[in-house]
Amino acid sequence: MTSASSNNAGEKFLLPAGLGDGLPPEAGFEAAIVERLVGTFARWGYERVKPPLIEFEDSLLAGPGEAMAAHTFRLMDPISQRMMGLRADMTPQVGRIAASRLQKMPRPLRLSYAGQVLRVKGEQMRPERQLGQVGVELIGTEAAAADAEVVLLAVEALTSLGVRDLAVDLNVPRLAPSILGAGHSADLIAALDRKDTSKVTELAGAQAPMLLGLLRAVGPVETALPVLESLDLPPPGAEVRANLAAIIALIRKSAPGLTLTIDPTDHRGFEYHSGIAFTLLGRGVRGEFGRGGRYVNHAGEAATGFSLYLDTLLATLPVPAGAKRVFIPLGGDSAAALRLRNEGWVTVQGLDAADTRAEAARLKCSHYLEGGQARALKD
């Protein structure tokens, strides 16, 4: 029977919904993933920045951050008496840094970041409210080559971690609004998001055939792009389509075997994006590895980038076997212990005069130090 005191202890340490502790070995694996991703970004010329966890609401929710307002926790700063927001996404913060602290740096500006974000509530496919984000932003250029670069970088970063069967879904959230013009119906955009052909037909009127054509242009690039190119789009839509085709050509040149799909009608999750966006998916993987795309930062600069989600990576990649652990008895050879650490061993120092072999087994060590050498417990 569970005692009342143990029940009270459980309630005392209960965490809010959508929040959890990172425990060994997953917490260490997550840290290793972050360092490997940031290292890949650095080799592509992206320099790391570190935005604050919390900042004043009027700057945090400016520019692209406005789209995150409903997801942002707010609190009063007891010092300044101004409202602050706890970041729900790091992309707007990097945009602010580029537009302020780094405004005099030459463009294009390549920045990377890694950190935790907190959201008011989770999503159906991602119920967690605290998420680890790692990503990059390429700021100060409208070139199609920039969009292709961030897609290719995301793919290289994920495949270097061991992600297989990766697919990139290219989204064009501004295409339908560019066709519909100002004052378009939010209900019609939502129907396009749901691929609800009957509702689109009901709401679109004379533009229904063109919008239904967009819905047919969903799928692998090889079949979907010709359908999209066959549509008689108005000039704004034709310009967006030409940009998409140019980006696809650049990606295909560098990664001919990459699985590429198109969805020219999906708008969900891309509310602040101003051009081509993309989602990184894996076969049989629940949730997305990340999202990215083009937007405009706080200073009106063109920018593009992506964020990778650590929870999906942790759920997908196997935790590697840990380094070999060797128990060092109290008073053991410190020089030998240092040598073993330099060779890649994990050393666990004994703190009392316990039986060496028994203590090594209790502390989950495969070896113990004896005579300056690591001896296997099974010997």
Foldseek 3Di string as FASTA:
>chain_A
DDDPVVVVVCVVPDDDWQDDDDDPPLVVVLVVLQVLLVVLLVVVPAAEDEFDQKDAPVQCCFFLNVVCVQFWDWDADPPPRGIMTGAQDCVQVVLSCCVPVVVPPDPQHKHKYWDWGATPAADPLRGHGIWIKTKMKGWFDPDLVQVLVQVVSVVVSVVVLPAPQKAKEKEWACLVCLQVDPPDDPVLLVCLQVVPLVVVCVRVPPCSVVSVLLSVLWWWCVPNLVSNVVGPGPVVNVVLSVSVVVNVVSNCVVCVPHTYIYRHRHNPPPVQADHMKIWMDHVPFRDTQWIWHWHAHNVRIIMIMMMGTSVSVSVPDDDDDAAAEEEEEVVRDVVLVVVVVVVPYHYDYHDDRDDFLVVCVVVVHQFYDDPSDTHGSVD
